[in-house]
Amino acid sequence: MKISEIKFQIELDEQNLPKTIQWDATDKESEGLESTKSINVNVWDNLNHATLRIDLWTEEMSVVEMKRFYIDILGGMAQTILNSTGDEFMAEEIKELCDRLVLHVNEENKKKLLT
C-alpha cells in the first residue's frame, strides 16, 4: 500500500489572514515547498453528509486571478463528475457555465482596459 501526503504551510499576519501559502506533496515532481497565492480544499464529511471547505488566499492574489482560479476549479469539477459518474448532462452544464464565466471575465477586463 502506498501512502501519499499533501501538506500546506500558512503564514498568518496579525489579523490571522494568510500572508504566505506554501505547499508540498509526496507525489509532486519537484521537491520542497512551493509558494502559491490561493488554495481551495474540499472534504466530504461522512458523518454530517456535507462538504467542508477551506478557501485561503494571500493579498497578492488579484481579482482577475481569483476569478480564473474558480473558473478552473469548476472546469475540473465538470471533468471529475464525468469521470466518476458518467453524468454527461451535469458535466456539460458545468462546462457551459464556465464558458459563460470566461466571457464575463473577458468582457470585464476589456472594459477596464478602455477606462
PDB file of N, CA and C in Angstrom:
ATOM      1  N   MET A   1       0.846  -1.185   0.000  1.00  0.00           N
ATOM      2  CA  MET A   1       0.000   0.000   0.000  1.00  0.00           C
ATOM      3  C   MET A   1       0.885   1.241   0.000  1.00  0.00           C
ATOM      4  N   LYS A   2       0.505   2.207  -0.797  1.00  0.00           N
ATOM      5  CA  LYS A   2       1.230   3.465  -0.885  1.00  0.00           C
ATOM      6  C   LYS A   2       0.482   4.528  -0.085  1.00  0.00           C
ATOM      7  N   ILE A   3       1.215   5.357   0.618  1.00  0.00           N
ATOM      8  CA  ILE A   3       0.626   6.491   1.334  1.00  0.00           C
ATOM      9  C   ILE A   3       1.160   7.760   0.686  1.00  0.00           C
ATOM     10  N   SER A   4       0.253   8.645   0.341  1.00  0.00           N
ATOM     11  CA  SER A   4       0.610   9.920  -0.266  1.00  0.00           C
ATOM     12  C   SER A   4       0.175  11.028   0.687  1.00  0.00           C
ATOM     13  N   GLU A   5       0.976  12.066   0.763  1.00  0.00           N
ATOM     14  CA  GLU A   5       0.688  13.155   1.702  1.00  0.00           C
ATOM     15  C   GLU A   5       0.755  14.496   0.985  1.00  0.00           C
ATOM     16  N   ILE A   6      -0.193  15.378   1.330  1.00  0.00           N
ATOM     17  CA  ILE A   6      -0.199  16.758   0.858  1.00  0.00           C
ATOM     18  C   ILE A   6      -0.142  17.639   2.097  1.00  0.00           C
ATOM     19  N   LYS A   7       0.766  18.631   2.048  1.00  0.00           N
ATOM     20  CA  LYS A   7       0.961  19.485   3.219  1.00  0.00           C
ATOM     21  C   LYS A   7       0.851  20.952   2.807  1.00  0.00           C
ATOM     22  N   PHE A   8       0.183  21.739   3.646  1.00  0.00           N
ATOM     23  CA  PHE A   8       0.086  23.182   3.445  1.00  0.00           C
ATOM     24  C   PHE A   8       0.722  23.880   4.632  1.00  0.00           C
ATOM     25  N   GLN A   9       1.485  24.918   4.350  1.00  0.00           N
ATOM     26  CA  GLN A   9       2.087  25.737   5.401  1.00  0.00           C
ATOM     27  C   GLN A   9       1.610  27.164   5.172  1.00  0.00           C
ATOM     28  N   ILE A  10       0.898  27.705   6.151  1.00  0.00           N
ATOM     29  CA  ILE A  10       0.292  29.025   6.024  1.00  0.00           C
ATOM     30  C   ILE A  10       0.920  29.966   7.045  1.00  0.00           C
ATOM     31  N   GLU A  11       1.480  31.083   6.575  1.00  0.00           N
ATOM     32  CA  GLU A  11       1.980  32.125   7.469  1.00  0.00           C
ATOM     33  C   GLU A  11       0.889  33.184   7.571  1.00  0.00           C
ATOM     34  N   LEU A  12       0.476  33.499   8.800  1.00  0.00           N
ATOM     35  CA  LEU A  12      -0.608  34.453   9.026  1.00  0.00           C
ATOM     36  C   LEU A  12      -0.070  35.793   9.502  1.00  0.00           C
ATOM     37  N   ASP A  13      -0.797  36.865   9.144  1.00  0.00           N
ATOM     38  CA  ASP A  13      -0.421  38.185   9.639  1.00  0.00           C
ATOM     39  C   ASP A  13      -1.064  38.428  11.004  1.00  0.00           C
ATOM     40  N   GLU A  14      -1.015  39.660  11.482  1.00  0.00           N
ATOM     41  CA  GLU A  14      -1.532  39.996  12.812  1.00  0.00           C
ATOM     42  C   GLU A  14      -3.043  39.796  12.928  1.00  0.00           C
ATOM     43  N   GLN A  15      -3.757  39.888  11.787  1.00  0.00           N
ATOM     44  CA  GLN A  15      -5.207  39.689  11.788  1.00  0.00           C
ATOM     45  C   GLN A  15      -5.585  38.246  11.431  1.00  0.00           C
ATOM     46  N   ASN A  16      -4.599  37.347  11.461  1.00  0.00           N
ATOM     47  CA  ASN A  16      -4.795  35.938  11.107  1.00  0.00           C
ATOM     48  C   ASN A  16      -5.234  35.729   9.660  1.00  0.00           C
ATOM     49  N   LEU A  17      -4.814  36.637   8.779  1.00  0.00           N
ATOM     50  CA  LEU A  17      -5.058  36.484   7.348  1.00  0.00           C
ATOM     51  C   LEU A  17      -3.807  35.897   6.711  1.00  0.00           C
ATOM     52  N   PRO A  18      -3.966  35.058   5.691  1.00  0.00           N
ATOM     53  CA  PRO A  18      -2.797  34.431   5.067  1.00  0.00           C
ATOM     54  C   PRO A  18      -1.842  35.457   4.457  1.00  0.00           C
ATOM     55  N   LYS A  19      -0.609  35.410   4.888  1.00  0.00           N
ATOM     56  CA  LYS A  19       0.442  36.258   4.327  1.00  0.00           C
ATOM     57  C   LYS A  19       1.173  35.499   3.230  1.00  0.00           C
ATOM     58  N   THR A  20       1.519  34.250   3.520  1.00  0.00           N
ATOM     59  CA  THR A  20       2.107  33.364   2.519  1.00  0.00           C
ATOM     60  C   THR A  20       1.463  31.989   2.638  1.00  0.00           C
ATOM     61  N   ILE A  21       1.391  31.313   1.508  1.00  0.00           N
ATOM     62  CA  ILE A  21       0.883  29.947   1.457  1.00  0.00           C
ATOM     63  C   ILE A  21       1.916  29.118   0.702  1.00  0.00           C
ATOM     64  N   GLN A  22       2.326  28.022   1.312  1.00  0.00           N
ATOM     65  CA  GLN A  22       3.247  27.101   0.655  1.00  0.00           C
ATOM     66  C   GLN A  22       2.676  25.697   0.750  1.00  0.00           C
ATOM     67  N   TRP A  23       3.048  24.864  -0.219  1.00  0.00           N
ATOM     68  CA  TRP A  23       2.531  23.501  -0.221  1.00  0.00           C
ATOM     69  C   TRP A  23       3.595  22.531  -0.697  1.00  0.00           C
ATOM     70  N   ASP A  24       3.403  21.282  -0.321  1.00  0.00           N
ATOM     71  CA  ASP A  24       4.284  20.206  -0.742  1.00  0.00           C
ATOM     72  C   ASP A  24       3.447  18.936  -0.827  1.00  0.00           C
ATOM     73  N   ALA A  25       3.877  18.011  -1.648  1.00  0.00           N
ATOM     74  CA  ALA A  25       3.186  16.727  -1.785  1.00  0.00           C
ATOM     75  C   ALA A  25       4.204  15.649  -2.099  1.00  0.00           C
ATOM     76  N   THR A  26       3.969  14.470  -1.589  1.00  0.00           N
ATOM     77  CA  THR A  26       4.921  13.380  -1.795  1.00  0.00           C
ATOM     78  C   THR A  26       5.017  12.989  -3.262  1.00  0.00           C
ATOM     79  N   ASP A  27       3.971  13.165  -4.045  1.00  0.00           N
ATOM     80  CA  ASP A  27       3.982  12.775  -5.446  1.00  0.00           C
ATOM     81  C   ASP A  27       4.249  13.941  -6.403  1.00  0.00           C
ATOM     82  N   LYS A  28       4.626  15.097  -5.864  1.00  0.00           N
ATOM     83  CA  LYS A  28       4.920  16.277  -6.677  1.00  0.00           C
ATOM     84  C   LYS A  28       6.245  16.070  -7.418  1.00  0.00           C
ATOM     85  N   GLU A  29       6.352  16.585  -8.640  1.00  0.00           N
ATOM     86  CA  GLU A  29       7.572  16.402  -9.429  1.00  0.00           C
ATOM     87  C   GLU A  29       8.797  16.997  -8.747  1.00  0.00           C
ATOM     88  N   SER A  30       8.687  18.248  -8.314  1.00  0.00           N
ATOM     89  CA  SER A  30       9.827  18.894  -7.662  1.00  0.00           C
ATOM     90  C   SER A  30       9.745  18.684  -6.155  1.00  0.00           C
ATOM     91  N   GLU A  31      10.883  18.746  -5.513  1.00  0.00           N
ATOM     92  CA  GLU A  31      10.916  18.550  -4.062  1.00  0.00           C
ATOM     93  C   GLU A  31      10.884  19.889  -3.344  1.00  0.00           C
ATOM     94  N   GLY A  32      10.333  19.878  -2.138  1.00  0.00           N
ATOM     95  CA  GLY A  32      10.327  21.065  -1.295  1.00  0.00           C
ATOM     96  C   GLY A  32       9.057  21.881  -1.437  1.00  0.00           C
ATOM     97  N   LEU A  33       8.933  22.836  -0.533  1.00  0.00           N
ATOM     98  CA  LEU A  33       7.758  23.699  -0.506  1.00  0.00           C
ATOM     99  C   LEU A  33       7.722  24.609  -1.728  1.00  0.00           C
ATOM    100  N   GLU A  34       6.517  24.820  -2.260  1.00  0.00           N
ATOM    101  CA  GLU A  34       6.300  25.756  -3.358  1.00  0.00           C
ATOM    102  C   GLU A  34       5.296  26.797  -2.904  1.00  0.00           C
ATOM    103  N   SER A  35       5.508  28.033  -3.322  1.00  0.00           N
ATOM    104  CA  SER A  35       4.592  29.114  -2.982  1.00  0.00           C
ATOM    105  C   SER A  35       3.389  29.114  -3.907  1.00  0.00           C
ATOM    106  N   THR A  36       2.265  29.552  -3.363  1.00  0.00           N
ATOM    107  CA  THR A  36       1.060  29.760  -4.154  1.00  0.00           C
ATOM    108  C   THR A  36       0.306  30.946  -3.558  1.00  0.00           C
ATOM    109  N   LYS A  37      -0.610  31.492  -4.330  1.00  0.00           N
ATOM    110  CA  LYS A  37      -1.398  32.621  -3.852  1.00  0.00           C
ATOM    111  C   LYS A  37      -2.732  32.192  -3.253  1.00  0.00           C
ATOM    112  N   SER A  38      -3.183  30.975  -3.578  1.00  0.00           N
ATOM    113  CA  SER A  38      -4.506  30.562  -3.127  1.00  0.00           C
ATOM    114  C   SER A  38      -4.619  29.048  -3.082  1.00  0.00           C
ATOM    115  N   ILE A  39      -5.430  28.559  -2.148  1.00  0.00           N
ATOM    116  CA  ILE A  39      -5.780  27.140  -2.102  1.00  0.00           C
ATOM    117  C   ILE A  39      -7.284  27.018  -1.864  1.00  0.00           C
ATOM    118  N   ASN A  40      -7.826  25.929  -2.371  1.00  0.00           N
ATOM    119  CA  ASN A  40      -9.223  25.589  -2.165  1.00  0.00           C
ATOM    120  C   ASN A  40      -9.251  24.091  -1.916  1.00  0.00           C
ATOM    121  N   VAL A  41      -9.657  23.697  -0.709  1.00  0.00           N
ATOM    122  CA  VAL A  41      -9.699  22.283  -0.340  1.00  0.00           C
ATOM    123  C   VAL A  41     -11.121  21.964   0.094  1.00  0.00           C
ATOM    124  N   ASN A  42     -11.654  20.877  -0.450  1.00  0.00           N
ATOM    125  CA  ASN A  42     -12.995  20.426  -0.092  1.00  0.00           C
ATOM    126  C   ASN A  42     -12.908  19.007   0.433  1.00  0.00           C
ATOM    127  N   VAL A  43     -13.608  18.737   1.524  1.00  0.00           N
ATOM    128  CA  VAL A  43     -13.601  17.418   2.139  1.00  0.00           C
ATOM    129  C   VAL A  43     -15.048  17.006   2.394  1.00  0.00           C
ATOM    130  N   TRP A  44     -15.391  15.776   2.012  1.00  0.00           N
ATOM    131  CA  TRP A  44     -16.730  15.265   2.284  1.00  0.00           C
ATOM    132  C   TRP A  44     -16.790  14.763   3.722  1.00  0.00           C
ATOM    133  N   ASP A  45     -17.704  15.320   4.501  1.00  0.00           N
ATOM    134  CA  ASP A  45     -17.930  14.926   5.888  1.00  0.00           C
ATOM    135  C   ASP A  45     -18.978  13.820   5.899  1.00  0.00           C
ATOM    136  N   ASN A  46     -18.519  12.569   6.047  1.00  0.00           N
ATOM    137  CA  ASN A  46     -19.440  11.423   6.038  1.00  0.00           C
ATOM    138  C   ASN A  46     -20.473  11.494   7.147  1.00  0.00           C
ATOM    139  N   LEU A  47     -20.080  11.967   8.308  1.00  0.00           N
ATOM    140  CA  LEU A  47     -20.976  11.999   9.452  1.00  0.00           C
ATOM    141  C   LEU A  47     -22.167  12.926   9.218  1.00  0.00           C
ATOM    142  N   ASN A  48     -21.902  14.119   8.715  1.00  0.00           N
ATOM    143  CA  ASN A  48     -22.951  15.117   8.523  1.00  0.00           C
ATOM    144  C   ASN A  48     -23.457  15.200   7.085  1.00  0.00           C
ATOM    145  N   HIS A  49     -22.894  14.408   6.196  1.00  0.00           N
ATOM    146  CA  HIS A  49     -23.264  14.439   4.779  1.00  0.00           C
ATOM    147  C   HIS A  49     -23.231  15.863   4.238  1.00  0.00           C
ATOM    148  N   ALA A  50     -22.086  16.481   4.417  1.00  0.00           N
ATOM    149  CA  ALA A  50     -21.897  17.859   3.975  1.00  0.00           C
ATOM    150  C   ALA A  50     -20.441  18.055   3.554  1.00  0.00           C
ATOM    151  N   THR A  51     -20.217  19.114   2.824  1.00  0.00           N
ATOM    152  CA  THR A  51     -18.872  19.432   2.363  1.00  0.00           C
ATOM    153  C   THR A  51     -18.241  20.462   3.297  1.00  0.00           C
ATOM    154  N   LEU A  52     -17.023  20.154   3.718  1.00  0.00           N
ATOM    155  CA  LEU A  52     -16.228  21.098   4.499  1.00  0.00           C
ATOM    156  C   LEU A  52     -15.270  21.785   3.532  1.00  0.00           C
ATOM    157  N   ARG A  53     -15.153  23.102   3.610  1.00  0.00           N
ATOM    158  CA  ARG A  53     -14.322  23.846   2.664  1.00  0.00           C
ATOM    159  C   ARG A  53     -13.279  24.677   3.388  1.00  0.00           C
ATOM    160  N   ILE A  54     -12.126  24.741   2.761  1.00  0.00           N
ATOM    161  CA  ILE A  54     -11.073  25.658   3.197  1.00  0.00           C
ATOM    162  C   ILE A  54     -10.696  26.487   1.983  1.00  0.00           C
ATOM    163  N   ASP A  55     -10.940  27.782   2.037  1.00  0.00           N
ATOM    164  CA  ASP A  55     -10.574  28.720   0.980  1.00  0.00           C
ATOM    165  C   ASP A  55      -9.628  29.747   1.578  1.00  0.00           C
ATOM    166  N   LEU A  56      -8.406  29.771   1.086  1.00  0.00           N
ATOM    167  CA  LEU A  56      -7.426  30.731   1.580  1.00  0.00           C
ATOM    168  C   LEU A  56      -6.739  31.396   0.393  1.00  0.00           C
ATOM    169  N   TRP A  57      -6.433  32.679   0.540  1.00  0.00           N
ATOM    170  CA  TRP A  57      -5.681  33.383  -0.483  1.00  0.00           C
ATOM    171  C   TRP A  57      -4.896  34.514   0.154  1.00  0.00           C
ATOM    172  N   THR A  58      -3.794  34.860  -0.490  1.00  0.00           N
ATOM    173  CA  THR A  58      -2.959  35.950   0.005  1.00  0.00           C
ATOM    174  C   THR A  58      -3.389  37.248  -0.660  1.00  0.00           C
ATOM    175  N   GLU A  59      -2.926  38.360  -0.122  1.00  0.00           N
ATOM    176  CA  GLU A  59      -3.291  39.653  -0.704  1.00  0.00           C
ATOM    177  C   GLU A  59      -2.661  39.864  -2.078  1.00  0.00           C
ATOM    178  N   GLU A  60      -1.674  39.051  -2.443  1.00  0.00           N
ATOM    179  CA  GLU A  60      -1.066  39.151  -3.771  1.00  0.00           C
ATOM    180  C   GLU A  60      -1.966  38.586  -4.869  1.00  0.00           C
ATOM    181  N   MET A  61      -2.975  37.834  -4.482  1.00  0.00           N
ATOM    182  CA  MET A  61      -3.888  37.238  -5.465  1.00  0.00           C
ATOM    183  C   MET A  61      -4.796  38.333  -6.005  1.00  0.00           C
ATOM    184  N   SER A  62      -4.689  38.613  -7.295  1.00  0.00           N
ATOM    185  CA  SER A  62      -5.524  39.655  -7.896  1.00  0.00           C
ATOM    186  C   SER A  62      -6.950  39.151  -8.087  1.00  0.00           C
ATOM    187  N   VAL A  63      -7.862  40.070  -8.282  1.00  0.00           N
ATOM    188  CA  VAL A  63      -9.256  39.708  -8.514  1.00  0.00           C
ATOM    189  C   VAL A  63      -9.375  38.889  -9.795  1.00  0.00           C
ATOM    190  N   VAL A  64      -8.663  39.277 -10.835  1.00  0.00           N
ATOM    191  CA  VAL A  64      -8.694  38.541 -12.103  1.00  0.00           C
ATOM    192  C   VAL A  64      -8.181  37.122 -11.905  1.00  0.00           C
ATOM    193  N   GLU A  65      -7.080  36.966 -11.175  1.00  0.00           N
ATOM    194  CA  GLU A  65      -6.542  35.636 -10.896  1.00  0.00           C
ATOM    195  C   GLU A  65      -7.533  34.805 -10.089  1.00  0.00           C
ATOM    196  N   MET A  66      -8.196  35.432  -9.109  1.00  0.00           N
ATOM    197  CA  MET A  66      -9.161  34.712  -8.279  1.00  0.00           C
ATOM    198  C   MET A  66     -10.311  34.200  -9.123  1.00  0.00           C
ATOM    199  N   LYS A  67     -10.818  35.024 -10.017  1.00  0.00           N
ATOM    200  CA  LYS A  67     -11.917  34.592 -10.880  1.00  0.00           C
ATOM    201  C   LYS A  67     -11.466  33.462 -11.794  1.00  0.00           C
ATOM    202  N   ARG A  68     -10.275  33.564 -12.345  1.00  0.00           N
ATOM    203  CA  ARG A  68      -9.739  32.497 -13.214  1.00  0.00           C
ATOM    204  C   ARG A  68      -9.562  31.204 -12.416  1.00  0.00           C
ATOM    205  N   PHE A  69      -9.059  31.318 -11.192  1.00  0.00           N
ATOM    206  CA  PHE A  69      -8.856  30.171 -10.313  1.00  0.00           C
ATOM    207  C   PHE A  69     -10.165  29.405 -10.125  1.00  0.00           C
ATOM    208  N   TYR A  70     -11.245  30.135  -9.829  1.00  0.00           N
ATOM    209  CA  TYR A  70     -12.513  29.460  -9.577  1.00  0.00           C
ATOM    210  C   TYR A  70     -13.158  28.924 -10.849  1.00  0.00           C
ATOM    211  N   ILE A  71     -12.943  29.573 -11.984  1.00  0.00           N
ATOM    212  CA  ILE A  71     -13.419  29.007 -13.249  1.00  0.00           C
ATOM    213  C   ILE A  71     -12.679  27.703 -13.525  1.00  0.00           C
ATOM    214  N   ASP A  72     -11.369  27.688 -13.292  1.00  0.00           N
ATOM    215  CA  ASP A  72     -10.588  26.456 -13.473  1.00  0.00           C
ATOM    216  C   ASP A  72     -11.065  25.347 -12.541  1.00  0.00           C
ATOM    217  N   ILE A  73     -11.384  25.702 -11.299  1.00  0.00           N
ATOM    218  CA  ILE A  73     -11.891  24.706 -10.343  1.00  0.00           C
ATOM    219  C   ILE A  73     -13.200  24.110 -10.855  1.00  0.00           C
ATOM    220  N   LEU A  74     -14.114  24.967 -11.311  1.00  0.00           N
ATOM    221  CA  LEU A  74     -15.386  24.473 -11.840  1.00  0.00           C
ATOM    222  C   LEU A  74     -15.173  23.569 -13.048  1.00  0.00           C
ATOM    223  N   GLY A  75     -14.264  23.943 -13.940  1.00  0.00           N
ATOM    224  CA  GLY A  75     -13.970  23.113 -15.099  1.00  0.00           C
ATOM    225  C   GLY A  75     -13.438  21.747 -14.695  1.00  0.00           C
ATOM    226  N   GLY A  76     -12.579  21.732 -13.696  1.00  0.00           N
ATOM    227  CA  GLY A  76     -12.067  20.467 -13.183  1.00  0.00           C
ATOM    228  C   GLY A  76     -13.165  19.623 -12.564  1.00  0.00           C
ATOM    229  N   MET A  77     -14.110  20.285 -11.908  1.00  0.00           N
ATOM    230  CA  MET A  77     -15.234  19.566 -11.311  1.00  0.00           C
ATOM    231  C   MET A  77     -16.098  18.922 -12.394  1.00  0.00           C
ATOM    232  N   ALA A  78     -16.264  19.604 -13.522  1.00  0.00           N
ATOM    233  CA  ALA A  78     -17.042  19.036 -14.626  1.00  0.00           C
ATOM    234  C   ALA A  78     -16.399  17.746 -15.117  1.00  0.00           C
ATOM    235  N   GLN A  79     -15.085  17.776 -15.282  1.00  0.00           N
ATOM    236  CA  GLN A  79     -14.383  16.575 -15.749  1.00  0.00           C
ATOM    237  C   GLN A  79     -14.451  15.464 -14.706  1.00  0.00           C
ATOM    238  N   THR A  80     -14.330  15.823 -13.432  1.00  0.00           N
ATOM    239  CA  THR A  80     -14.396  14.824 -12.363  1.00  0.00           C
ATOM    240  C   THR A  80     -15.762  14.172 -12.297  1.00  0.00           C
ATOM    241  N   ILE A  81     -16.821  14.966 -12.407  1.00  0.00           N
ATOM    242  CA  ILE A  81     -18.177  14.387 -12.339  1.00  0.00           C
ATOM    243  C   ILE A  81     -18.408  13.458 -13.528  1.00  0.00           C
ATOM    244  N   LEU A  82     -17.860  13.825 -14.705  1.00  0.00           N
ATOM    245  CA  LEU A  82     -17.993  12.959 -15.870  1.00  0.00           C
ATOM    246  C   LEU A  82     -17.225  11.656 -15.656  1.00  0.00           C
ATOM    247  N   ASN A  83     -15.981  11.758 -15.198  1.00  0.00           N
ATOM    248  CA  ASN A  83     -15.154  10.567 -14.987  1.00  0.00           C
ATOM    249  C   ASN A  83     -15.701   9.659 -13.890  1.00  0.00           C
ATOM    250  N   SER A  84     -16.210  10.257 -12.830  1.00  0.00           N
ATOM    251  CA  SER A  84     -16.608   9.453 -11.668  1.00  0.00           C
ATOM    252  C   SER A  84     -18.031   8.902 -11.763  1.00  0.00           C
ATOM    253  N   THR A  85     -18.917   9.608 -12.463  1.00  0.00           N
ATOM    254  CA  THR A  85     -20.317   9.166 -12.503  1.00  0.00           C
ATOM    255  C   THR A  85     -20.823   8.892 -13.917  1.00  0.00           C
ATOM    256  N   GLY A  86     -20.121   9.424 -14.913  1.00  0.00           N
ATOM    257  CA  GLY A  86     -20.593   9.293 -16.290  1.00  0.00           C
ATOM    258  C   GLY A  86     -21.759  10.214 -16.620  1.00  0.00           C
ATOM    259  N   ASP A  87     -22.068  11.150 -15.735  1.00  0.00           N
ATOM    260  CA  ASP A  87     -23.196  12.060 -15.928  1.00  0.00           C
ATOM    261  C   ASP A  87     -22.787  13.158 -16.915  1.00  0.00           C
ATOM    262  N   GLU A  88     -23.054  12.916 -18.195  1.00  0.00           N
ATOM    263  CA  GLU A  88     -22.683  13.860 -19.239  1.00  0.00           C
ATOM    264  C   GLU A  88     -23.473  15.153 -19.145  1.00  0.00           C
ATOM    265  N   PHE A  89     -24.744  15.061 -18.756  1.00  0.00           N
ATOM    266  CA  PHE A  89     -25.571  16.269 -18.646  1.00  0.00           C
ATOM    267  C   PHE A  89     -24.989  17.227 -17.612  1.00  0.00           C
ATOM    268  N   MET A  90     -24.703  16.722 -16.423  1.00  0.00           N
ATOM    269  CA  MET A  90     -24.175  17.572 -15.358  1.00  0.00           C
ATOM    270  C   MET A  90     -22.822  18.161 -15.757  1.00  0.00           C
ATOM    271  N   ALA A  91     -21.956  17.336 -16.344  1.00  0.00           N
ATOM    272  CA  ALA A  91     -20.638  17.805 -16.775  1.00  0.00           C
ATOM    273  C   ALA A  91     -20.776  18.906 -17.821  1.00  0.00           C
ATOM    274  N   GLU A  92     -21.671  18.725 -18.764  1.00  0.00           N
ATOM    275  CA  GLU A  92     -21.844  19.726 -19.827  1.00  0.00           C
ATOM    276  C   GLU A  92     -22.428  21.025 -19.277  1.00  0.00           C
ATOM    277  N   GLU A  93     -23.357  20.929 -18.338  1.00  0.00           N
ATOM    278  CA  GLU A  93     -23.931  22.135 -17.724  1.00  0.00           C
ATOM    279  C   GLU A  93     -22.844  22.952 -17.016  1.00  0.00           C
ATOM    280  N   ILE A  94     -21.956  22.275 -16.310  1.00  0.00           N
ATOM    281  CA  ILE A  94     -20.871  22.971 -15.605  1.00  0.00           C
ATOM    282  C   ILE A  94     -19.913  23.598 -16.618  1.00  0.00           C
ATOM    283  N   LYS A  95     -19.602  22.867 -17.689  1.00  0.00           N
ATOM    284  CA  LYS A  95     -18.716  23.404 -18.730  1.00  0.00           C
ATOM    285  C   LYS A  95     -19.321  24.640 -19.383  1.00  0.00           C
ATOM    286  N   GLU A  96     -20.627  24.601 -19.636  1.00  0.00           N
ATOM    287  CA  GLU A  96     -21.302  25.757 -20.231  1.00  0.00           C
ATOM    288  C   GLU A  96     -21.273  26.951 -19.284  1.00  0.00           C
ATOM    289  N   LEU A  97     -21.433  26.708 -17.996  1.00  0.00           N
ATOM    290  CA  LEU A  97     -21.307  27.777 -17.010  1.00  0.00           C
ATOM    291  C   LEU A  97     -19.901  28.375 -17.071  1.00  0.00           C
ATOM    292  N   CYS A  98     -18.893  27.524 -17.141  1.00  0.00           N
ATOM    293  CA  CYS A  98     -17.505  28.006 -17.232  1.00  0.00           C
ATOM    294  C   CYS A  98     -17.319  28.876 -18.465  1.00  0.00           C
ATOM    295  N   ASP A  99     -17.871  28.443 -19.592  1.00  0.00           N
ATOM    296  CA  ASP A  99     -17.760  29.232 -20.825  1.00  0.00           C
ATOM    297  C   ASP A  99     -18.390  30.606 -20.655  1.00  0.00           C
ATOM    298  N   ARG A 100     -19.561  30.664 -20.015  1.00  0.00           N
ATOM    299  CA  ARG A 100     -20.217  31.958 -19.775  1.00  0.00           C
ATOM    300  C   ARG A 100     -19.400  32.820 -18.828  1.00  0.00           C
ATOM    301  N   LEU A 101     -18.809  32.202 -17.816  1.00  0.00           N
ATOM    302  CA  LEU A 101     -17.997  32.961 -16.859  1.00  0.00           C
ATOM    303  C   LEU A 101     -16.721  33.503 -17.514  1.00  0.00           C
ATOM    304  N   VAL A 102     -16.119  32.730 -18.401  1.00  0.00           N
ATOM    305  CA  VAL A 102     -14.942  33.209 -19.133  1.00  0.00           C
ATOM    306  C   VAL A 102     -15.315  34.433 -19.967  1.00  0.00           C
ATOM    307  N   LEU A 103     -16.438  34.374 -20.669  1.00  0.00           N
ATOM    308  CA  LEU A 103     -16.888  35.525 -21.449  1.00  0.00           C
ATOM    309  C   LEU A 103     -17.112  36.740 -20.555  1.00  0.00           C
ATOM    310  N   HIS A 104     -17.732  36.519 -19.418  1.00  0.00           N
ATOM    311  CA  HIS A 104     -17.983  37.607 -18.461  1.00  0.00           C
ATOM    312  C   HIS A 104     -16.675  38.250 -18.004  1.00  0.00           C
ATOM    313  N   VAL A 105     -15.710  37.433 -17.605  1.00  0.00           N
ATOM    314  CA  VAL A 105     -14.427  37.956 -17.120  1.00  0.00           C
ATOM    315  C   VAL A 105     -13.690  38.670 -18.247  1.00  0.00           C
ATOM    316  N   ASN A 106     -13.726  38.115 -19.454  1.00  0.00           N
ATOM    317  CA  ASN A 106     -13.068  38.768 -20.587  1.00  0.00           C
ATOM    318  C   ASN A 106     -13.687  40.129 -20.879  1.00  0.00           C
ATOM    319  N   GLU A 107     -15.013  40.213 -20.821  1.00  0.00           N
ATOM    320  CA  GLU A 107     -15.695  41.492 -21.030  1.00  0.00           C
ATOM    321  C   GLU A 107     -15.329  42.501 -19.944  1.00  0.00           C
ATOM    322  N   GLU A 108     -15.282  42.044 -18.705  1.00  0.00           N
ATOM    323  CA  GLU A 108     -14.865  42.918 -17.605  1.00  0.00           C
ATOM    324  C   GLU A 108     -13.470  43.468 -17.846  1.00  0.00           C
ATOM    325  N   ASN A 109     -12.567  42.598 -18.266  1.00  0.00           N
ATOM    326  CA  ASN A 109     -11.192  43.010 -18.493  1.00  0.00           C
ATOM    327  C   ASN A 109     -11.085  44.004 -19.640  1.00  0.00           C
ATOM    328  N   LYS A 110     -11.869  43.808 -20.702  1.00  0.00           N
ATOM    329  CA  LYS A 110     -11.878  44.756 -21.824  1.00  0.00           C
ATOM    330  C   LYS A 110     -12.340  46.129 -21.365  1.00  0.00           C
ATOM    331  N   LYS A 111     -13.407  46.163 -20.566  1.00  0.00           N
ATOM    332  CA  LYS A 111     -13.950  47.441 -20.071  1.00  0.00           C
ATOM    333  C   LYS A 111     -12.898  48.167 -19.209  1.00  0.00           C
ATOM    334  N   LYS A 112     -12.185  47.414 -18.390  1.00  0.00           N
ATOM    335  CA  LYS A 112     -11.165  48.030 -17.531  1.00  0.00           C
ATOM    336  C   LYS A 112     -10.037  48.613 -18.353  1.00  0.00           C
ATOM    337  N   LEU A 113      -9.683  47.949 -19.452  1.00  0.00           N
ATOM    338  CA  LEU A 113      -8.614  48.439 -20.312  1.00  0.00           C
ATOM    339  C   LEU A 113      -9.023  49.719 -21.035  1.00  0.00           C
ATOM    340  N   LEU A 114     -10.319  49.860 -21.321  1.00  0.00           N
ATOM    341  CA  LEU A 114     -10.812  51.030 -22.046  1.00  0.00           C
ATOM    342  C   LEU A 114     -10.994  52.243 -21.139  1.00  0.00           C
ATOM    343  N   THR A 115     -11.046  52.032 -19.841  1.00  0.00           N
ATOM    344  CA  THR A 115     -11.254  53.165 -18.922  1.00  0.00           C
ATOM    345  C   THR A 115      -9.975  53.673 -18.352  1.00  0.00           C
TER     346      THR A 115
END
